[in-house]
């Protein structure tokens, strides 16, 4: 049986999860990262295929990794030459999805004092993705190319487990699709084989409570708007 307190603890871990975009330099011990990933690996997967693979970056390795991507990001010619290997977002945006996307973007930029005219400021903010928002730990996730759509659904449950388990340990995260554009550089930096492809990245660490961007709380639709009870 799950007690009322245990239920509240699980709910709190889920509902307190947010995409944190500024971190303290406080290191996360390697054994804590390993324990978190061990828990997250209890995620369900079709016929127990467990399609996830994780690269953990810290210290100088993370700094070299970020520098390589930022060099390409800052160079217009190189930036243009790097494209995503898979479409994370729809190729044609429609309402209500485009409305939600725009709102969260402008809510974040408003907190940071960035206006529509400040293209350089917005580009710099986006570039912070590639430093994992200064988190002490950067995670890169890959999947074998033979795996199909169902395994990507399984992967999402694994990623969510990491984020919820992190909250249970007082840690914060930010899942990052931004890394997919630079999958070729990531492959070179991490030396993974041709059969692996990048799923996404994730920042992991302790949120900086003094940074304004960490006050952003995104809205969620009420249950009544996306659920239909069939009786």
C-alpha atoms as a PDB file:
ATOM      1  CA  UNK A   1       0.000   0.000   0.000  1.00  0.00           C
ATOM      2  CA  UNK A   2       1.081   3.551  -0.742  1.00  0.00           C
ATOM      3  CA  UNK A   3       0.556   5.939   2.135  1.00  0.00           C
ATOM      4  CA  UNK A   4      -0.974   9.377   1.771  1.00  0.00           C
ATOM      5  CA  UNK A   5       2.444  10.923   2.467  1.00  0.00           C
ATOM      6  CA  UNK A   6       4.098   8.811  -0.222  1.00  0.00           C
ATOM      7  CA  UNK A   7       1.438   9.871  -2.700  1.00  0.00           C
ATOM      8  CA  UNK A   8       2.034  13.515  -1.839  1.00  0.00           C
ATOM      9  CA  UNK A   9       5.794  13.060  -2.197  1.00  0.00           C
ATOM     10  CA  UNK A  10       5.436  11.525  -5.666  1.00  0.00           C
ATOM     11  CA  UNK A  11       2.972  14.213  -6.758  1.00  0.00           C
ATOM     12  CA  UNK A  12       5.302  16.925  -5.456  1.00  0.00           C
ATOM     13  CA  UNK A  13       8.250  15.495  -7.383  1.00  0.00           C
ATOM     14  CA  UNK A  14       6.182  15.566 -10.577  1.00  0.00           C
ATOM     15  CA  UNK A  15       4.513  18.952 -10.154  1.00  0.00           C
ATOM     16  CA  UNK A  16       7.688  20.714  -8.966  1.00  0.00           C
ATOM     17  CA  UNK A  17       9.569  19.680 -12.105  1.00  0.00           C
ATOM     18  CA  UNK A  18      10.338  22.674 -14.299  1.00  0.00           C
ATOM     19  CA  UNK A  19      12.797  23.419 -17.063  1.00  0.00           C
ATOM     20  CA  UNK A  20      15.535  25.235 -15.146  1.00  0.00           C
ATOM     21  CA  UNK A  21      17.763  27.526 -17.188  1.00  0.00           C
ATOM     22  CA  UNK A  22      20.323  28.730 -14.609  1.00  0.00           C
ATOM     23  CA  UNK A  23      22.286  26.565 -12.158  1.00  0.00           C
ATOM     24  CA  UNK A  24      24.597  26.845  -9.192  1.00  0.00           C
ATOM     25  CA  UNK A  25      28.149  25.528  -9.689  1.00  0.00           C
ATOM     26  CA  UNK A  26      27.583  22.991  -6.882  1.00  0.00           C
ATOM     27  CA  UNK A  27      28.884  19.633  -8.162  1.00  0.00           C
ATOM     28  CA  UNK A  28      26.721  16.520  -8.221  1.00  0.00           C
ATOM     29  CA  UNK A  29      28.654  13.448  -7.000  1.00  0.00           C
ATOM     30  CA  UNK A  30      29.158  10.734  -9.591  1.00  0.00           C
ATOM     31  CA  UNK A  31      27.568   8.124  -7.331  1.00  0.00           C
ATOM     32  CA  UNK A  32      24.436  10.269  -7.039  1.00  0.00           C
ATOM     33  CA  UNK A  33      24.172  10.553 -10.829  1.00  0.00           C
ATOM     34  CA  UNK A  34      24.598   6.794 -11.191  1.00  0.00           C
ATOM     35  CA  UNK A  35      21.974   6.090  -8.520  1.00  0.00           C
ATOM     36  CA  UNK A  36      19.517   8.464 -10.190  1.00  0.00           C
ATOM     37  CA  UNK A  37      19.982   6.798 -13.577  1.00  0.00           C
ATOM     38  CA  UNK A  38      19.622   3.359 -12.017  1.00  0.00           C
ATOM     39  CA  UNK A  39      16.224   4.361 -10.630  1.00  0.00           C
ATOM     40  CA  UNK A  40      15.184   5.979 -13.928  1.00  0.00           C
ATOM     41  CA  UNK A  41      16.029   2.784 -15.814  1.00  0.00           C
ATOM     42  CA  UNK A  42      12.998   1.152 -14.191  1.00  0.00           C
ATOM     43  CA  UNK A  43      10.976   2.927 -16.894  1.00  0.00           C
ATOM     44  CA  UNK A  44       8.817   0.542 -18.923  1.00  0.00           C
ATOM     45  CA  UNK A  45       9.862  -0.382 -22.441  1.00  0.00           C
ATOM     46  CA  UNK A  46       8.264  -2.681 -24.992  1.00  0.00           C
ATOM     47  CA  UNK A  47       9.382  -6.273 -24.309  1.00  0.00           C
ATOM     48  CA  UNK A  48      12.049  -4.796 -21.992  1.00  0.00           C
ATOM     49  CA  UNK A  49      14.175  -3.504 -24.879  1.00  0.00           C
ATOM     50  CA  UNK A  50      15.527  -0.597 -22.762  1.00  0.00           C
ATOM     51  CA  UNK A  51      16.514   1.541 -25.799  1.00  0.00           C
ATOM     52  CA  UNK A  52      18.330   4.282 -23.892  1.00  0.00           C
ATOM     53  CA  UNK A  53      22.016   5.122 -23.771  1.00  0.00           C
ATOM     54  CA  UNK A  54      23.387   8.036 -21.740  1.00  0.00           C
ATOM     55  CA  UNK A  55      26.623  10.038 -21.948  1.00  0.00           C
ATOM     56  CA  UNK A  56      27.396  11.986 -18.746  1.00  0.00           C
ATOM     57  CA  UNK A  57      29.520  15.112 -19.127  1.00  0.00           C
ATOM     58  CA  UNK A  58      31.167  17.007 -16.277  1.00  0.00           C
ATOM     59  CA  UNK A  59      34.183  19.240 -15.707  1.00  0.00           C
ATOM     60  CA  UNK A  60      36.682  19.766 -18.506  1.00  0.00           C
ATOM     61  CA  UNK A  61      34.986  17.227 -20.763  1.00  0.00           C
ATOM     62  CA  UNK A  62      31.749  19.179 -20.600  1.00  0.00           C
ATOM     63  CA  UNK A  63      33.594  22.452 -21.228  1.00  0.00           C
ATOM     64  CA  UNK A  64      35.320  21.064 -24.361  1.00  0.00           C
ATOM     65  CA  UNK A  65      32.046  19.607 -25.594  1.00  0.00           C
ATOM     66  CA  UNK A  66      30.209  22.925 -25.168  1.00  0.00           C
ATOM     67  CA  UNK A  67      33.006  24.934 -26.789  1.00  0.00           C
ATOM     68  CA  UNK A  68      32.910  22.764 -29.910  1.00  0.00           C
ATOM     69  CA  UNK A  69      29.182  23.253 -30.373  1.00  0.00           C
ATOM     70  CA  UNK A  70      29.227  26.955 -29.516  1.00  0.00           C
ATOM     71  CA  UNK A  71      31.904  27.576 -32.144  1.00  0.00           C
ATOM     72  CA  UNK A  72      29.602  26.171 -34.810  1.00  0.00           C
ATOM     73  CA  UNK A  73      26.529  27.897 -33.380  1.00  0.00           C
ATOM     74  CA  UNK A  74      28.223  31.320 -33.456  1.00  0.00           C
ATOM     75  CA  UNK A  75      29.434  30.959 -37.059  1.00  0.00           C
ATOM     76  CA  UNK A  76      26.542  31.654 -39.492  1.00  0.00           C
ATOM     77  CA  UNK A  77      27.969  29.418 -42.212  1.00  0.00           C
ATOM     78  CA  UNK A  78      28.629  26.491 -39.895  1.00  0.00           C
ATOM     79  CA  UNK A  79      25.318  26.971 -38.109  1.00  0.00           C
ATOM     80  CA  UNK A  80      23.450  26.744 -41.386  1.00  0.00           C
ATOM     81  CA  UNK A  81      25.327  23.577 -42.349  1.00  0.00           C
ATOM     82  CA  UNK A  82      24.099  21.725 -39.255  1.00  0.00           C
ATOM     83  CA  UNK A  83      20.526  20.454 -39.370  1.00  0.00           C
ATOM     84  CA  UNK A  84      18.427  18.191 -37.180  1.00  0.00           C
ATOM     85  CA  UNK A  85      18.461  14.493 -37.969  1.00  0.00           C
ATOM     86  CA  UNK A  86      14.797  14.112 -37.074  1.00  0.00           C
ATOM     87  CA  UNK A  87      11.852  16.504 -36.836  1.00  0.00           C
ATOM     88  CA  UNK A  88      11.174  17.201 -33.179  1.00  0.00           C
ATOM     89  CA  UNK A  89       8.573  19.857 -33.943  1.00  0.00           C
ATOM     90  CA  UNK A  90       5.795  19.843 -36.559  1.00  0.00           C
ATOM     91  CA  UNK A  91       6.780  20.992 -40.027  1.00  0.00           C
ATOM     92  CA  UNK A  92       3.657  23.134 -40.160  1.00  0.00           C
ATOM     93  CA  UNK A  93       2.502  24.861 -36.978  1.00  0.00           C
ATOM     94  CA  UNK A  94      -1.214  25.166 -36.222  1.00  0.00           C
ATOM     95  CA  UNK A  95      -3.253  26.438 -33.281  1.00  0.00           C
ATOM     96  CA  UNK A  96      -3.307  25.762 -30.345  1.00  0.00           C
ATOM     97  CA  UNK A  97       0.272  24.419 -30.444  1.00  0.00           C
ATOM     98  CA  UNK A  98       1.850  27.484 -32.042  1.00  0.00           C
ATOM     99  CA  UNK A  99       0.048  29.710 -29.521  1.00  0.00           C
ATOM    100  CA  UNK A 100       1.447  27.778 -26.568  1.00  0.00           C
ATOM    101  CA  UNK A 101       4.923  27.789 -28.105  1.00  0.00           C
ATOM    102  CA  UNK A 102       4.890  31.537 -28.646  1.00  0.00           C
ATOM    103  CA  UNK A 103       3.564  32.252 -25.180  1.00  0.00           C
ATOM    104  CA  UNK A 104       6.248  30.323 -23.322  1.00  0.00           C
ATOM    105  CA  UNK A 105       8.932  31.898 -25.494  1.00  0.00           C
ATOM    106  CA  UNK A 106       7.781  35.448 -24.918  1.00  0.00           C
ATOM    107  CA  UNK A 107       7.138  34.813 -21.225  1.00  0.00           C
ATOM    108  CA  UNK A 108      10.769  33.739 -20.840  1.00  0.00           C
ATOM    109  CA  UNK A 109      12.142  36.618 -22.888  1.00  0.00           C
ATOM    110  CA  UNK A 110      10.020  39.096 -20.937  1.00  0.00           C
ATOM    111  CA  UNK A 111      11.552  37.888 -17.676  1.00  0.00           C
ATOM    112  CA  UNK A 112      15.005  38.369 -19.190  1.00  0.00           C
ATOM    113  CA  UNK A 113      14.123  41.808 -20.550  1.00  0.00           C
ATOM    114  CA  UNK A 114      14.512  40.707 -24.169  1.00  0.00           C
ATOM    115  CA  UNK A 115      12.304  42.382 -26.762  1.00  0.00           C
ATOM    116  CA  UNK A 116      11.422  41.180 -30.260  1.00  0.00           C
ATOM    117  CA  UNK A 117      13.981  43.587 -31.692  1.00  0.00           C
ATOM    118  CA  UNK A 118      16.834  42.179 -29.625  1.00  0.00           C
ATOM    119  CA  UNK A 119      17.772  39.327 -31.938  1.00  0.00           C
ATOM    120  CA  UNK A 120      21.333  39.166 -30.588  1.00  0.00           C
ATOM    121  CA  UNK A 121      20.064  38.826 -27.033  1.00  0.00           C
ATOM    122  CA  UNK A 122      17.678  36.043 -27.995  1.00  0.00           C
ATOM    123  CA  UNK A 123      20.443  34.229 -29.891  1.00  0.00           C
ATOM    124  CA  UNK A 124      22.744  34.509 -26.884  1.00  0.00           C
ATOM    125  CA  UNK A 125      20.048  33.108 -24.615  1.00  0.00           C
ATOM    126  CA  UNK A 126      19.469  30.194 -26.999  1.00  0.00           C
ATOM    127  CA  UNK A 127      23.219  29.617 -27.093  1.00  0.00           C
ATOM    128  CA  UNK A 128      23.206  28.995 -23.352  1.00  0.00           C
ATOM    129  CA  UNK A 129      21.591  25.646 -24.174  1.00  0.00           C
ATOM    130  CA  UNK A 130      24.960  24.443 -25.413  1.00  0.00           C
ATOM    131  CA  UNK A 131      26.568  25.163 -22.032  1.00  0.00           C
ATOM    132  CA  UNK A 132      23.749  23.196 -20.395  1.00  0.00           C
ATOM    133  CA  UNK A 133      22.749  26.532 -18.832  1.00  0.00           C
ATOM    134  CA  UNK A 134      25.930  26.271 -16.714  1.00  0.00           C
ATOM    135  CA  UNK A 135      24.685  23.150 -14.932  1.00  0.00           C
ATOM    136  CA  UNK A 136      27.522  21.032 -13.476  1.00  0.00           C
ATOM    137  CA  UNK A 137      26.257  17.957 -15.333  1.00  0.00           C
ATOM    138  CA  UNK A 138      25.292  17.591 -18.978  1.00  0.00           C
ATOM    139  CA  UNK A 139      23.534  14.490 -20.269  1.00  0.00           C
ATOM    140  CA  UNK A 140      23.355  13.408 -23.901  1.00  0.00           C
ATOM    141  CA  UNK A 141      20.929  10.652 -24.855  1.00  0.00           C
ATOM    142  CA  UNK A 142      21.234   8.401 -27.895  1.00  0.00           C
ATOM    143  CA  UNK A 143      19.233   5.572 -29.408  1.00  0.00           C
ATOM    144  CA  UNK A 144      20.125   2.787 -31.830  1.00  0.00           C
ATOM    145  CA  UNK A 145      18.945   3.594 -35.355  1.00  0.00           C
ATOM    146  CA  UNK A 146      17.224   0.217 -35.703  1.00  0.00           C
ATOM    147  CA  UNK A 147      14.648   1.192 -33.069  1.00  0.00           C
ATOM    148  CA  UNK A 148      11.260   2.451 -34.235  1.00  0.00           C
ATOM    149  CA  UNK A 149       8.610   4.867 -32.974  1.00  0.00           C
ATOM    150  CA  UNK A 150       7.518   2.713 -30.045  1.00  0.00           C
ATOM    151  CA  UNK A 151      11.015   2.807 -28.582  1.00  0.00           C
ATOM    152  CA  UNK A 152      10.985   6.596 -28.737  1.00  0.00           C
ATOM    153  CA  UNK A 153       7.813   6.515 -26.637  1.00  0.00           C
ATOM    154  CA  UNK A 154       9.652   4.289 -24.165  1.00  0.00           C
ATOM    155  CA  UNK A 155      12.547   6.752 -24.189  1.00  0.00           C
ATOM    156  CA  UNK A 156      10.235   9.569 -23.149  1.00  0.00           C
ATOM    157  CA  UNK A 157       9.229   7.620 -20.043  1.00  0.00           C
ATOM    158  CA  UNK A 158      12.903   7.103 -19.193  1.00  0.00           C
ATOM    159  CA  UNK A 159      13.595  10.828 -19.559  1.00  0.00           C
ATOM    160  CA  UNK A 160      10.630  11.690 -17.349  1.00  0.00           C
ATOM    161  CA  UNK A 161      11.868   9.231 -14.735  1.00  0.00           C
ATOM    162  CA  UNK A 162      15.222  11.018 -14.661  1.00  0.00           C
ATOM    163  CA  UNK A 163      13.566  14.395 -14.158  1.00  0.00           C
ATOM    164  CA  UNK A 164      11.223  13.171 -11.424  1.00  0.00           C
ATOM    165  CA  UNK A 165      13.960  11.198  -9.646  1.00  0.00           C
ATOM    166  CA  UNK A 166      16.113  14.342  -9.775  1.00  0.00           C
ATOM    167  CA  UNK A 167      13.412  16.336  -8.006  1.00  0.00           C
ATOM    168  CA  UNK A 168      13.210  13.651  -5.322  1.00  0.00           C
ATOM    169  CA  UNK A 169      16.897  14.370  -4.649  1.00  0.00           C
ATOM    170  CA  UNK A 170      16.563  18.148  -4.651  1.00  0.00           C
ATOM    171  CA  UNK A 171      18.065  18.414  -8.128  1.00  0.00           C
ATOM    172  CA  UNK A 172      16.715  20.188 -11.186  1.00  0.00           C
ATOM    173  CA  UNK A 173      16.817  19.536 -14.914  1.00  0.00           C
ATOM    174  CA  UNK A 174      16.117  20.990 -18.323  1.00  0.00           C
ATOM    175  CA  UNK A 175      15.471  18.636 -21.254  1.00  0.00           C
ATOM    176  CA  UNK A 176      17.023  20.121 -24.402  1.00  0.00           C
ATOM    177  CA  UNK A 177      16.042  19.363 -27.977  1.00  0.00           C
ATOM    178  CA  UNK A 178      18.409  22.158 -29.084  1.00  0.00           C
ATOM    179  CA  UNK A 179      21.305  19.703 -29.188  1.00  0.00           C
ATOM    180  CA  UNK A 180      19.821  17.700 -32.051  1.00  0.00           C
ATOM    181  CA  UNK A 181      20.922  20.309 -34.614  1.00  0.00           C
ATOM    182  CA  UNK A 182      24.564  19.583 -33.845  1.00  0.00           C
ATOM    183  CA  UNK A 183      24.396  15.789 -33.817  1.00  0.00           C
ATOM    184  CA  UNK A 184      27.466  15.456 -36.062  1.00  0.00           C
ATOM    185  CA  UNK A 185      29.638  17.469 -33.661  1.00  0.00           C
ATOM    186  CA  UNK A 186      28.215  15.524 -30.736  1.00  0.00           C
ATOM    187  CA  UNK A 187      29.100  12.246 -32.422  1.00  0.00           C
ATOM    188  CA  UNK A 188      32.651  13.448 -33.005  1.00  0.00           C
ATOM    189  CA  UNK A 189      33.047  14.694 -29.453  1.00  0.00           C
ATOM    190  CA  UNK A 190      31.631  11.602 -27.774  1.00  0.00           C
ATOM    191  CA  UNK A 191      32.928   9.074 -30.278  1.00  0.00           C
ATOM    192  CA  UNK A 192      29.796   7.013 -30.450  1.00  0.00           C
ATOM    193  CA  UNK A 193      29.270   4.568 -33.354  1.00  0.00           C
ATOM    194  CA  UNK A 194      27.322   5.219 -36.563  1.00  0.00           C
ATOM    195  CA  UNK A 195      24.364   3.159 -35.386  1.00  0.00           C
ATOM    196  CA  UNK A 196      23.590   5.659 -32.595  1.00  0.00           C
ATOM    197  CA  UNK A 197      21.642   8.877 -33.077  1.00  0.00           C
ATOM    198  CA  UNK A 198      21.101  11.780 -30.707  1.00  0.00           C
ATOM    199  CA  UNK A 199      17.709  11.958 -29.016  1.00  0.00           C
ATOM    200  CA  UNK A 200      18.250  15.101 -26.897  1.00  0.00           C
ATOM    201  CA  UNK A 201      20.356  16.590 -24.137  1.00  0.00           C
ATOM    202  CA  UNK A 202      19.573  17.491 -20.538  1.00  0.00           C
ATOM    203  CA  UNK A 203      21.032  19.822 -17.932  1.00  0.00           C
ATOM    204  CA  UNK A 204      21.257  18.463 -14.376  1.00  0.00           C
ATOM    205  CA  UNK A 205      22.164  20.286 -11.199  1.00  0.00           C
ATOM    206  CA  UNK A 206      20.910  22.622  -8.490  1.00  0.00           C
ATOM    207  CA  UNK A 207      18.784  25.594  -9.572  1.00  0.00           C
ATOM    208  CA  UNK A 208      20.144  29.070  -8.900  1.00  0.00           C
ATOM    209  CA  UNK A 209      17.330  30.650  -6.839  1.00  0.00           C
ATOM    210  CA  UNK A 210      18.513  34.183  -7.631  1.00  0.00           C
ATOM    211  CA  UNK A 211      18.114  33.944 -11.412  1.00  0.00           C
ATOM    212  CA  UNK A 212      14.954  35.519 -12.788  1.00  0.00           C
ATOM    213  CA  UNK A 213      14.516  32.930 -15.550  1.00  0.00           C
ATOM    214  CA  UNK A 214      13.978  30.260 -12.911  1.00  0.00           C
ATOM    215  CA  UNK A 215      10.761  31.946 -11.786  1.00  0.00           C
ATOM    216  CA  UNK A 216       9.064  30.922 -15.033  1.00  0.00           C
ATOM    217  CA  UNK A 217       6.200  28.497 -14.445  1.00  0.00           C
ATOM    218  CA  UNK A 218       4.532  27.333 -17.637  1.00  0.00           C
ATOM    219  CA  UNK A 219       0.783  26.936 -17.835  1.00  0.00           C
ATOM    220  CA  UNK A 220      -1.038  23.635 -18.255  1.00  0.00           C
ATOM    221  CA  UNK A 221      -4.429  23.015 -19.784  1.00  0.00           C
ATOM    222  CA  UNK A 222      -7.193  21.867 -17.407  1.00  0.00           C
ATOM    223  CA  UNK A 223      -8.101  18.185 -17.499  1.00  0.00           C
ATOM    224  CA  UNK A 224     -11.479  19.063 -18.979  1.00  0.00           C
ATOM    225  CA  UNK A 225      -9.791  20.404 -22.136  1.00  0.00           C
ATOM    226  CA  UNK A 226      -7.934  17.226 -23.096  1.00  0.00           C
ATOM    227  CA  UNK A 227      -9.810  14.362 -21.408  1.00  0.00           C
ATOM    228  CA  UNK A 228     -13.049  12.698 -22.401  1.00  0.00           C
ATOM    229  CA  UNK A 229     -14.557  10.201 -19.994  1.00  0.00           C
ATOM    230  CA  UNK A 230     -16.385   7.460 -21.894  1.00  0.00           C
ATOM    231  CA  UNK A 231     -18.977   5.712 -19.725  1.00  0.00           C
END
